[in-house]
Amino acid sequence: MDLTKQIKSQGVQVFEKRFDFYWKSIAIYSVVLIIYSLLRGTIEHGTLTMAISDPLVVLLAVIILASILGYFASIWKSPKIIISKDAITFKTKILEKKYSVSEIIKITIGKETISNMKKSLRVVRIFTINRKKPYRIRPSSFWNENELWNSLLNFKKTHNK
């Protein structure tokens, strides 16, 4: 039996984080770097000379390199949220934290407005016994955001304290 079919038959839902913003920023910064290099470069005797020692070129190259490293690190960690009937698990390749219903103090659902965005984002905060700060989950940062939102709402409704 396939693992995903087995998980679905047990009522467990797995939600993976999305990283499409990394490759979008890498693409945008790369295009800016190419355009800036072409504008600052000189054409002499039929060859294009680029100024690699220009501080802006170096800065853009560092930003691109940092974005690529962050992208690969995030893919390697592959963070997931696993929601079962009686527990919520936060899992990465390195660490797995499972919180049963008895360890969850409360779940709050709200909206968060970011200053440079016009619309507000949905946010779920999960308060647990062993942690001072709550877990902040933005469903829009995960694939199947509506399913994650509905699963967290259902979990809250079924285990309301």
N, C-alpha and C. Protein backbone atom coordinates (compact mmCIF):
# COMPACT_ATOMS: atom_id res chain seq x y z
N MET A 1 0.85 -1.19 0.00
CA MET A 1 0.00 0.00 0.00
C MET A 1 0.89 1.25 0.00
N ASP A 2 0.52 2.22 -0.78
CA ASP A 2 1.27 3.48 -0.88
C ASP A 2 1.20 4.22 0.45
N LEU A 3 2.30 4.91 0.81
CA LEU A 3 2.39 5.61 2.09
C LEU A 3 1.34 6.71 2.21
N THR A 4 1.12 7.47 1.13
CA THR A 4 0.13 8.55 1.21
C THR A 4 -1.28 8.00 1.37
N LYS A 5 -1.57 6.88 0.71
CA LYS A 5 -2.90 6.26 0.89
C LYS A 5 -3.06 5.75 2.31
N GLN A 6 -1.97 5.20 2.87
CA GLN A 6 -2.00 4.70 4.24
C GLN A 6 -2.23 5.85 5.22
N ILE A 7 -1.56 6.97 4.99
CA ILE A 7 -1.71 8.13 5.86
C ILE A 7 -3.14 8.68 5.78
N LYS A 8 -3.68 8.77 4.57
CA LYS A 8 -5.05 9.29 4.40
C LYS A 8 -6.08 8.36 5.02
N SER A 9 -5.84 7.05 4.96
CA SER A 9 -6.79 6.11 5.54
C SER A 9 -6.81 6.20 7.06
N GLN A 10 -5.72 6.65 7.67
CA GLN A 10 -5.65 6.80 9.11
C GLN A 10 -6.16 8.17 9.57
N GLY A 11 -6.55 9.02 8.67
CA GLY A 11 -7.06 10.35 9.03
C GLY A 11 -5.96 11.34 9.35
N VAL A 12 -4.75 11.08 8.88
CA VAL A 12 -3.62 11.96 9.13
C VAL A 12 -3.40 12.81 7.88
N GLN A 13 -3.18 14.10 8.08
CA GLN A 13 -2.93 14.99 6.96
C GLN A 13 -1.53 15.59 7.10
N VAL A 14 -0.80 15.59 5.98
CA VAL A 14 0.56 16.12 5.96
C VAL A 14 0.59 17.35 5.06
N PHE A 15 1.15 18.44 5.56
CA PHE A 15 1.23 19.68 4.81
C PHE A 15 2.68 20.10 4.71
N GLU A 16 3.15 20.30 3.49
CA GLU A 16 4.54 20.68 3.24
C GLU A 16 4.64 22.18 2.98
N LYS A 17 5.73 22.75 3.47
CA LYS A 17 5.97 24.17 3.27
C LYS A 17 6.38 24.43 1.83
N ARG A 18 5.99 25.57 1.31
CA ARG A 18 6.35 25.92 -0.07
C ARG A 18 7.50 26.92 -0.08
N PHE A 19 8.32 26.79 -1.12
CA PHE A 19 9.51 27.63 -1.21
C PHE A 19 9.59 28.35 -2.55
N ASP A 20 8.47 28.59 -3.18
CA ASP A 20 8.50 29.23 -4.49
C ASP A 20 8.99 30.67 -4.45
N PHE A 21 8.93 31.32 -3.29
CA PHE A 21 9.42 32.69 -3.19
C PHE A 21 10.93 32.75 -3.36
N TYR A 22 11.63 31.67 -3.02
CA TYR A 22 13.09 31.67 -3.19
C TYR A 22 13.47 31.76 -4.66
N TRP A 23 12.90 30.87 -5.48
CA TRP A 23 13.33 30.90 -6.89
C TRP A 23 12.82 32.16 -7.58
N LYS A 24 11.73 32.72 -7.11
CA LYS A 24 11.26 33.99 -7.70
C LYS A 24 12.24 35.11 -7.38
N SER A 25 12.71 35.16 -6.13
CA SER A 25 13.67 36.21 -5.78
C SER A 25 15.01 35.98 -6.47
N ILE A 26 15.42 34.72 -6.60
CA ILE A 26 16.66 34.42 -7.31
C ILE A 26 16.56 34.88 -8.76
N ALA A 27 15.42 34.62 -9.39
CA ALA A 27 15.25 35.03 -10.79
C ALA A 27 15.24 36.54 -10.93
N ILE A 28 14.56 37.24 -10.05
CA ILE A 28 14.49 38.70 -10.14
C ILE A 28 15.87 39.33 -9.92
N TYR A 29 16.57 38.89 -8.88
CA TYR A 29 17.90 39.44 -8.62
C TYR A 29 18.88 39.10 -9.75
N SER A 30 18.75 37.93 -10.35
CA SER A 30 19.63 37.57 -11.47
C SER A 30 19.38 38.46 -12.67
N VAL A 31 18.12 38.73 -12.97
CA VAL A 31 17.80 39.61 -14.09
C VAL A 31 18.33 41.03 -13.83
N VAL A 32 18.16 41.51 -12.60
CA VAL A 32 18.67 42.84 -12.24
C VAL A 32 20.19 42.87 -12.37
N LEU A 33 20.85 41.81 -11.93
CA LEU A 33 22.31 41.73 -12.04
C LEU A 33 22.75 41.76 -13.50
N ILE A 34 22.08 41.01 -14.35
CA ILE A 34 22.44 40.97 -15.77
C ILE A 34 22.21 42.33 -16.43
N ILE A 35 21.07 42.94 -16.16
CA ILE A 35 20.77 44.24 -16.76
C ILE A 35 21.76 45.29 -16.27
N TYR A 36 22.03 45.31 -14.98
CA TYR A 36 22.98 46.29 -14.44
C TYR A 36 24.38 46.06 -15.02
N SER A 37 24.78 44.81 -15.13
CA SER A 37 26.11 44.51 -15.67
C SER A 37 26.20 44.94 -17.13
N LEU A 38 25.13 44.73 -17.88
CA LEU A 38 25.14 45.16 -19.28
C LEU A 38 25.17 46.68 -19.41
N LEU A 39 24.45 47.36 -18.52
CA LEU A 39 24.44 48.83 -18.58
C LEU A 39 25.78 49.42 -18.15
N ARG A 40 26.42 48.83 -17.16
CA ARG A 40 27.69 49.34 -16.66
C ARG A 40 28.88 48.87 -17.47
N GLY A 41 28.70 47.79 -18.22
CA GLY A 41 29.80 47.27 -19.02
C GLY A 41 30.07 48.14 -20.23
N THR A 42 31.21 47.91 -20.83
CA THR A 42 31.58 48.67 -22.02
C THR A 42 31.82 47.71 -23.17
N ILE A 43 31.53 48.20 -24.36
CA ILE A 43 31.78 47.41 -25.55
C ILE A 43 32.98 48.04 -26.26
N GLU A 44 34.07 47.30 -26.28
CA GLU A 44 35.29 47.76 -26.93
C GLU A 44 35.77 46.69 -27.90
N HIS A 45 36.04 47.09 -29.11
CA HIS A 45 36.58 46.20 -30.14
C HIS A 45 35.71 44.94 -30.32
N GLY A 46 34.40 45.10 -30.21
CA GLY A 46 33.48 43.99 -30.44
C GLY A 46 33.34 43.03 -29.27
N THR A 47 33.89 43.35 -28.12
CA THR A 47 33.73 42.49 -26.94
C THR A 47 33.08 43.28 -25.82
N LEU A 48 32.31 42.57 -25.00
CA LEU A 48 31.62 43.18 -23.87
C LEU A 48 32.47 43.00 -22.61
N THR A 49 32.77 44.09 -21.95
CA THR A 49 33.54 44.04 -20.71
C THR A 49 32.61 44.41 -19.57
N MET A 50 32.57 43.54 -18.54
CA MET A 50 31.70 43.82 -17.40
C MET A 50 32.54 44.20 -16.19
N ALA A 51 32.00 45.08 -15.39
CA ALA A 51 32.69 45.53 -14.18
C ALA A 51 32.29 44.62 -13.02
N ILE A 52 33.09 43.60 -12.76
CA ILE A 52 32.79 42.66 -11.67
C ILE A 52 33.16 43.27 -10.33
N SER A 53 34.08 44.18 -10.30
CA SER A 53 34.50 44.78 -9.04
C SER A 53 33.56 45.90 -8.57
N ASP A 54 32.52 46.18 -9.31
CA ASP A 54 31.55 47.20 -8.92
C ASP A 54 30.83 46.73 -7.64
N PRO A 55 30.70 47.60 -6.64
CA PRO A 55 30.08 47.18 -5.37
C PRO A 55 28.64 46.68 -5.52
N LEU A 56 27.87 47.26 -6.41
CA LEU A 56 26.49 46.81 -6.60
C LEU A 56 26.44 45.42 -7.22
N VAL A 57 27.36 45.13 -8.13
CA VAL A 57 27.44 43.79 -8.72
C VAL A 57 27.79 42.76 -7.64
N VAL A 58 28.74 43.11 -6.79
CA VAL A 58 29.13 42.21 -5.71
C VAL A 58 27.97 42.00 -4.74
N LEU A 59 27.27 43.08 -4.40
CA LEU A 59 26.13 42.98 -3.49
C LEU A 59 25.03 42.09 -4.07
N LEU A 60 24.69 42.30 -5.33
CA LEU A 60 23.67 41.47 -5.96
C LEU A 60 24.10 40.01 -6.04
N ALA A 61 25.39 39.78 -6.32
CA ALA A 61 25.89 38.40 -6.38
C ALA A 61 25.82 37.73 -5.00
N VAL A 62 26.11 38.47 -3.95
CA VAL A 62 26.02 37.93 -2.59
C VAL A 62 24.56 37.62 -2.24
N ILE A 63 23.65 38.49 -2.60
CA ILE A 63 22.23 38.26 -2.33
C ILE A 63 21.75 37.02 -3.08
N ILE A 64 22.15 36.87 -4.33
CA ILE A 64 21.76 35.70 -5.12
C ILE A 64 22.32 34.42 -4.50
N LEU A 65 23.58 34.46 -4.12
CA LEU A 65 24.21 33.29 -3.50
C LEU A 65 23.54 32.94 -2.17
N ALA A 66 23.22 33.94 -1.35
CA ALA A 66 22.55 33.69 -0.07
C ALA A 66 21.15 33.11 -0.30
N SER A 67 20.45 33.60 -1.32
CA SER A 67 19.12 33.07 -1.63
C SER A 67 19.21 31.62 -2.09
N ILE A 68 20.20 31.30 -2.89
CA ILE A 68 20.37 29.91 -3.36
C ILE A 68 20.69 28.99 -2.18
N LEU A 69 21.59 29.43 -1.30
CA LEU A 69 21.92 28.62 -0.13
C LEU A 69 20.71 28.44 0.79
N GLY A 70 19.95 29.50 1.00
CA GLY A 70 18.73 29.41 1.81
C GLY A 70 17.71 28.48 1.20
N TYR A 71 17.58 28.54 -0.11
CA TYR A 71 16.64 27.67 -0.82
C TYR A 71 17.02 26.21 -0.64
N PHE A 72 18.30 25.88 -0.85
CA PHE A 72 18.72 24.50 -0.70
C PHE A 72 18.63 24.02 0.76
N ALA A 73 18.93 24.90 1.70
CA ALA A 73 18.81 24.53 3.11
C ALA A 73 17.36 24.26 3.48
N SER A 74 16.46 25.07 2.97
CA SER A 74 15.03 24.88 3.26
C SER A 74 14.51 23.61 2.62
N ILE A 75 14.95 23.33 1.40
CA ILE A 75 14.52 22.09 0.74
C ILE A 75 15.07 20.89 1.51
N TRP A 76 16.31 20.98 1.96
CA TRP A 76 16.90 19.88 2.71
C TRP A 76 16.15 19.62 4.01
N LYS A 77 15.78 20.69 4.73
CA LYS A 77 15.05 20.53 5.98
C LYS A 77 13.65 19.98 5.75
N SER A 78 13.03 20.36 4.66
CA SER A 78 11.66 19.98 4.28
C SER A 78 10.68 19.98 5.46
N PRO A 79 10.37 21.17 5.98
CA PRO A 79 9.45 21.24 7.11
C PRO A 79 8.03 20.83 6.73
N LYS A 80 7.39 20.13 7.66
CA LYS A 80 6.02 19.63 7.45
C LYS A 80 5.21 19.82 8.72
N ILE A 81 3.93 19.95 8.55
CA ILE A 81 2.99 19.92 9.66
C ILE A 81 2.11 18.70 9.44
N ILE A 82 2.04 17.85 10.46
CA ILE A 82 1.23 16.64 10.38
C ILE A 82 0.11 16.77 11.40
N ILE A 83 -1.12 16.71 10.91
CA ILE A 83 -2.27 16.85 11.79
C ILE A 83 -3.01 15.52 11.81
N SER A 84 -3.11 14.95 12.99
CA SER A 84 -3.88 13.71 13.17
C SER A 84 -5.10 14.04 14.02
N LYS A 85 -5.83 13.02 14.40
CA LYS A 85 -7.05 13.26 15.18
C LYS A 85 -6.78 13.80 16.56
N ASP A 86 -5.65 13.39 17.16
CA ASP A 86 -5.38 13.79 18.53
C ASP A 86 -4.02 14.43 18.76
N ALA A 87 -3.34 14.86 17.68
CA ALA A 87 -2.02 15.48 17.84
C ALA A 87 -1.66 16.34 16.63
N ILE A 88 -0.76 17.27 16.87
CA ILE A 88 -0.18 18.09 15.81
C ILE A 88 1.33 17.90 15.91
N THR A 89 1.96 17.59 14.77
CA THR A 89 3.39 17.34 14.74
C THR A 89 4.07 18.33 13.81
N PHE A 90 5.16 18.92 14.30
CA PHE A 90 6.00 19.79 13.49
C PHE A 90 7.26 19.00 13.19
N LYS A 91 7.50 18.73 11.91
CA LYS A 91 8.58 17.82 11.55
C LYS A 91 9.52 18.44 10.53
N THR A 92 10.82 18.26 10.76
CA THR A 92 11.86 18.57 9.79
C THR A 92 12.75 17.33 9.72
N LYS A 93 13.77 17.38 8.87
CA LYS A 93 14.69 16.24 8.79
C LYS A 93 15.45 16.04 10.09
N ILE A 94 15.69 17.13 10.81
CA ILE A 94 16.49 17.07 12.03
C ILE A 94 15.64 16.81 13.26
N LEU A 95 14.49 17.44 13.34
CA LEU A 95 13.72 17.48 14.57
C LEU A 95 12.26 17.15 14.31
N GLU A 96 11.64 16.51 15.28
CA GLU A 96 10.21 16.23 15.21
C GLU A 96 9.61 16.49 16.57
N LYS A 97 8.63 17.40 16.62
CA LYS A 97 7.95 17.72 17.87
C LYS A 97 6.48 17.38 17.72
N LYS A 98 6.03 16.49 18.56
CA LYS A 98 4.64 16.06 18.51
C LYS A 98 3.94 16.55 19.76
N TYR A 99 2.81 17.23 19.57
CA TYR A 99 2.03 17.77 20.68
C TYR A 99 0.66 17.11 20.67
N SER A 100 0.38 16.40 21.73
CA SER A 100 -0.94 15.79 21.85
C SER A 100 -1.93 16.84 22.35
N VAL A 101 -3.18 16.48 22.39
CA VAL A 101 -4.23 17.42 22.80
C VAL A 101 -3.98 17.90 24.23
N SER A 102 -3.47 17.05 25.09
CA SER A 102 -3.23 17.43 26.48
C SER A 102 -2.09 18.44 26.62
N GLU A 103 -1.18 18.50 25.66
CA GLU A 103 -0.06 19.43 25.72
C GLU A 103 -0.37 20.78 25.07
N ILE A 104 -1.47 20.87 24.35
CA ILE A 104 -1.85 22.12 23.69
C ILE A 104 -2.75 22.91 24.62
N ILE A 105 -2.30 24.12 24.96
CA ILE A 105 -3.07 24.97 25.88
C ILE A 105 -4.26 25.58 25.14
N LYS A 106 -3.97 26.26 24.04
CA LYS A 106 -5.04 26.85 23.24
C LYS A 106 -4.56 27.09 21.82
N ILE A 107 -5.52 27.27 20.93
CA ILE A 107 -5.26 27.58 19.53
C ILE A 107 -6.05 28.84 19.22
N THR A 108 -5.34 29.87 18.75
CA THR A 108 -6.03 31.10 18.35
C THR A 108 -5.92 31.27 16.84
N ILE A 109 -6.98 31.77 16.28
CA ILE A 109 -7.04 31.97 14.83
C ILE A 109 -7.34 33.44 14.59
N GLY A 110 -6.54 34.04 13.72
CA GLY A 110 -6.72 35.46 13.45
C GLY A 110 -6.13 35.87 12.12
N LYS A 111 -5.97 37.17 11.98
CA LYS A 111 -5.39 37.73 10.77
C LYS A 111 -4.24 38.63 11.15
N GLU A 112 -3.29 38.73 10.23
CA GLU A 112 -2.11 39.55 10.44
C GLU A 112 -1.96 40.46 9.22
N THR A 113 -1.77 41.74 9.48
CA THR A 113 -1.59 42.68 8.38
C THR A 113 -0.12 43.05 8.30
N ILE A 114 0.45 42.88 7.12
CA ILE A 114 1.83 43.26 6.89
C ILE A 114 1.82 44.62 6.21
N SER A 115 2.72 45.49 6.62
CA SER A 115 2.66 46.89 6.18
C SER A 115 2.76 47.07 4.67
N ASN A 116 3.54 46.25 3.98
CA ASN A 116 3.69 46.46 2.54
C ASN A 116 2.69 45.66 1.71
N MET A 117 1.80 44.93 2.35
CA MET A 117 0.78 44.19 1.62
C MET A 117 -0.59 44.81 1.88
N LYS A 118 -1.44 44.76 0.88
CA LYS A 118 -2.75 45.36 1.03
C LYS A 118 -3.73 44.45 1.74
N LYS A 119 -3.58 43.14 1.53
CA LYS A 119 -4.52 42.23 2.18
C LYS A 119 -3.88 41.62 3.42
N SER A 120 -4.73 41.17 4.32
CA SER A 120 -4.22 40.57 5.55
C SER A 120 -4.09 39.05 5.34
N LEU A 121 -3.18 38.47 6.11
CA LEU A 121 -2.90 37.04 6.02
C LEU A 121 -3.51 36.33 7.22
N ARG A 122 -3.99 35.12 6.99
CA ARG A 122 -4.52 34.32 8.09
C ARG A 122 -3.36 33.72 8.88
N VAL A 123 -3.52 33.73 10.20
CA VAL A 123 -2.48 33.21 11.08
C VAL A 123 -3.13 32.35 12.16
N VAL A 124 -2.48 31.23 12.45
CA VAL A 124 -2.92 30.35 13.53
C VAL A 124 -1.79 30.29 14.54
N ARG A 125 -2.13 30.51 15.80
CA ARG A 125 -1.14 30.42 16.87
C ARG A 125 -1.50 29.23 17.77
N ILE A 126 -0.50 28.38 18.00
CA ILE A 126 -0.71 27.21 18.84
C ILE A 126 0.15 27.36 20.09
N PHE A 127 -0.50 27.48 21.24
CA PHE A 127 0.18 27.62 22.51
C PHE A 127 0.32 26.24 23.14
N THR A 128 1.56 25.90 23.53
CA THR A 128 1.81 24.60 24.14
C THR A 128 2.39 24.77 25.54
N ILE A 129 2.42 23.68 26.28
CA ILE A 129 2.90 23.70 27.66
C ILE A 129 4.40 23.95 27.73
N ASN A 130 5.17 23.30 26.89
CA ASN A 130 6.63 23.31 27.01
C ASN A 130 7.31 24.49 26.33
N ARG A 131 6.57 25.41 25.79
CA ARG A 131 7.17 26.48 25.00
C ARG A 131 6.58 27.82 25.41
N LYS A 132 7.46 28.83 25.58
CA LYS A 132 6.99 30.15 25.98
C LYS A 132 6.24 30.85 24.85
N LYS A 133 6.84 30.84 23.65
CA LYS A 133 6.22 31.48 22.51
C LYS A 133 5.32 30.50 21.77
N PRO A 134 4.24 30.99 21.21
CA PRO A 134 3.38 30.07 20.44
C PRO A 134 3.98 29.76 19.07
N TYR A 135 3.56 28.64 18.51
CA TYR A 135 3.89 28.35 17.12
C TYR A 135 3.00 29.21 16.25
N ARG A 136 3.58 29.96 15.33
CA ARG A 136 2.82 30.79 14.38
C ARG A 136 2.80 30.08 13.04
N ILE A 137 1.63 29.80 12.56
CA ILE A 137 1.49 29.11 11.28
C ILE A 137 0.72 30.03 10.34
N ARG A 138 1.34 30.32 9.21
CA ARG A 138 0.64 31.02 8.14
C ARG A 138 0.26 29.98 7.10
N PRO A 139 -1.00 29.67 6.97
CA PRO A 139 -1.41 28.65 6.00
C PRO A 139 -1.00 28.99 4.57
N SER A 140 -0.85 30.28 4.26
CA SER A 140 -0.47 30.67 2.90
C SER A 140 0.97 30.27 2.58
N SER A 141 1.76 29.90 3.58
CA SER A 141 3.14 29.47 3.36
C SER A 141 3.24 27.98 3.07
N PHE A 142 2.11 27.31 3.01
CA PHE A 142 2.10 25.86 2.78
C PHE A 142 1.30 25.54 1.53
N TRP A 143 1.65 24.41 0.91
CA TRP A 143 0.85 23.91 -0.20
C TRP A 143 -0.49 23.48 0.39
N ASN A 144 -1.54 23.56 -0.36
CA ASN A 144 -2.91 23.23 0.09
C ASN A 144 -3.30 24.07 1.30
N GLU A 145 -3.17 25.38 1.17
CA GLU A 145 -3.41 26.26 2.30
C GLU A 145 -4.84 26.18 2.82
N ASN A 146 -5.82 26.01 1.93
CA ASN A 146 -7.21 25.92 2.39
C ASN A 146 -7.45 24.64 3.18
N GLU A 147 -6.84 23.55 2.76
CA GLU A 147 -6.97 22.29 3.51
C GLU A 147 -6.32 22.41 4.88
N LEU A 148 -5.16 23.05 4.94
CA LEU A 148 -4.50 23.26 6.23
C LEU A 148 -5.36 24.13 7.14
N TRP A 149 -5.91 25.18 6.59
CA TRP A 149 -6.78 26.09 7.37
C TRP A 149 -7.98 25.32 7.92
N ASN A 150 -8.63 24.54 7.05
CA ASN A 150 -9.79 23.77 7.49
C ASN A 150 -9.41 22.70 8.52
N SER A 151 -8.25 22.07 8.34
CA SER A 151 -7.81 21.05 9.30
C SER A 151 -7.54 21.66 10.67
N LEU A 152 -6.90 22.83 10.69
CA LEU A 152 -6.64 23.49 11.96
C LEU A 152 -7.94 23.97 12.62
N LEU A 153 -8.89 24.45 11.81
CA LEU A 153 -10.19 24.84 12.36
C LEU A 153 -10.91 23.64 12.95
N ASN A 154 -10.91 22.53 12.22
CA ASN A 154 -11.57 21.31 12.72
C ASN A 154 -10.88 20.79 13.98
N PHE A 155 -9.55 20.84 14.01
CA PHE A 155 -8.82 20.40 15.20
C PHE A 155 -9.20 21.27 16.39
N LYS A 156 -9.30 22.57 16.17
CA LYS A 156 -9.66 23.47 17.26
C LYS A 156 -11.10 23.21 17.74
N LYS A 157 -12.01 22.99 16.79
CA LYS A 157 -13.41 22.77 17.16
C LYS A 157 -13.59 21.45 17.91
N THR A 158 -12.90 20.41 17.48
CA THR A 158 -13.08 19.10 18.13
C THR A 158 -12.38 19.02 19.49
N HIS A 159 -11.34 19.83 19.70
CA HIS A 159 -10.58 19.77 20.94
C HIS A 159 -10.63 21.09 21.70
N ASN A 160 -11.73 21.78 21.61
CA ASN A 160 -11.89 23.07 22.29
C ASN A 160 -11.93 22.87 23.79
N LYS A 161 -11.10 23.64 24.49
CA LYS A 161 -11.04 23.48 25.96
C LYS A 161 -11.78 24.59 26.65
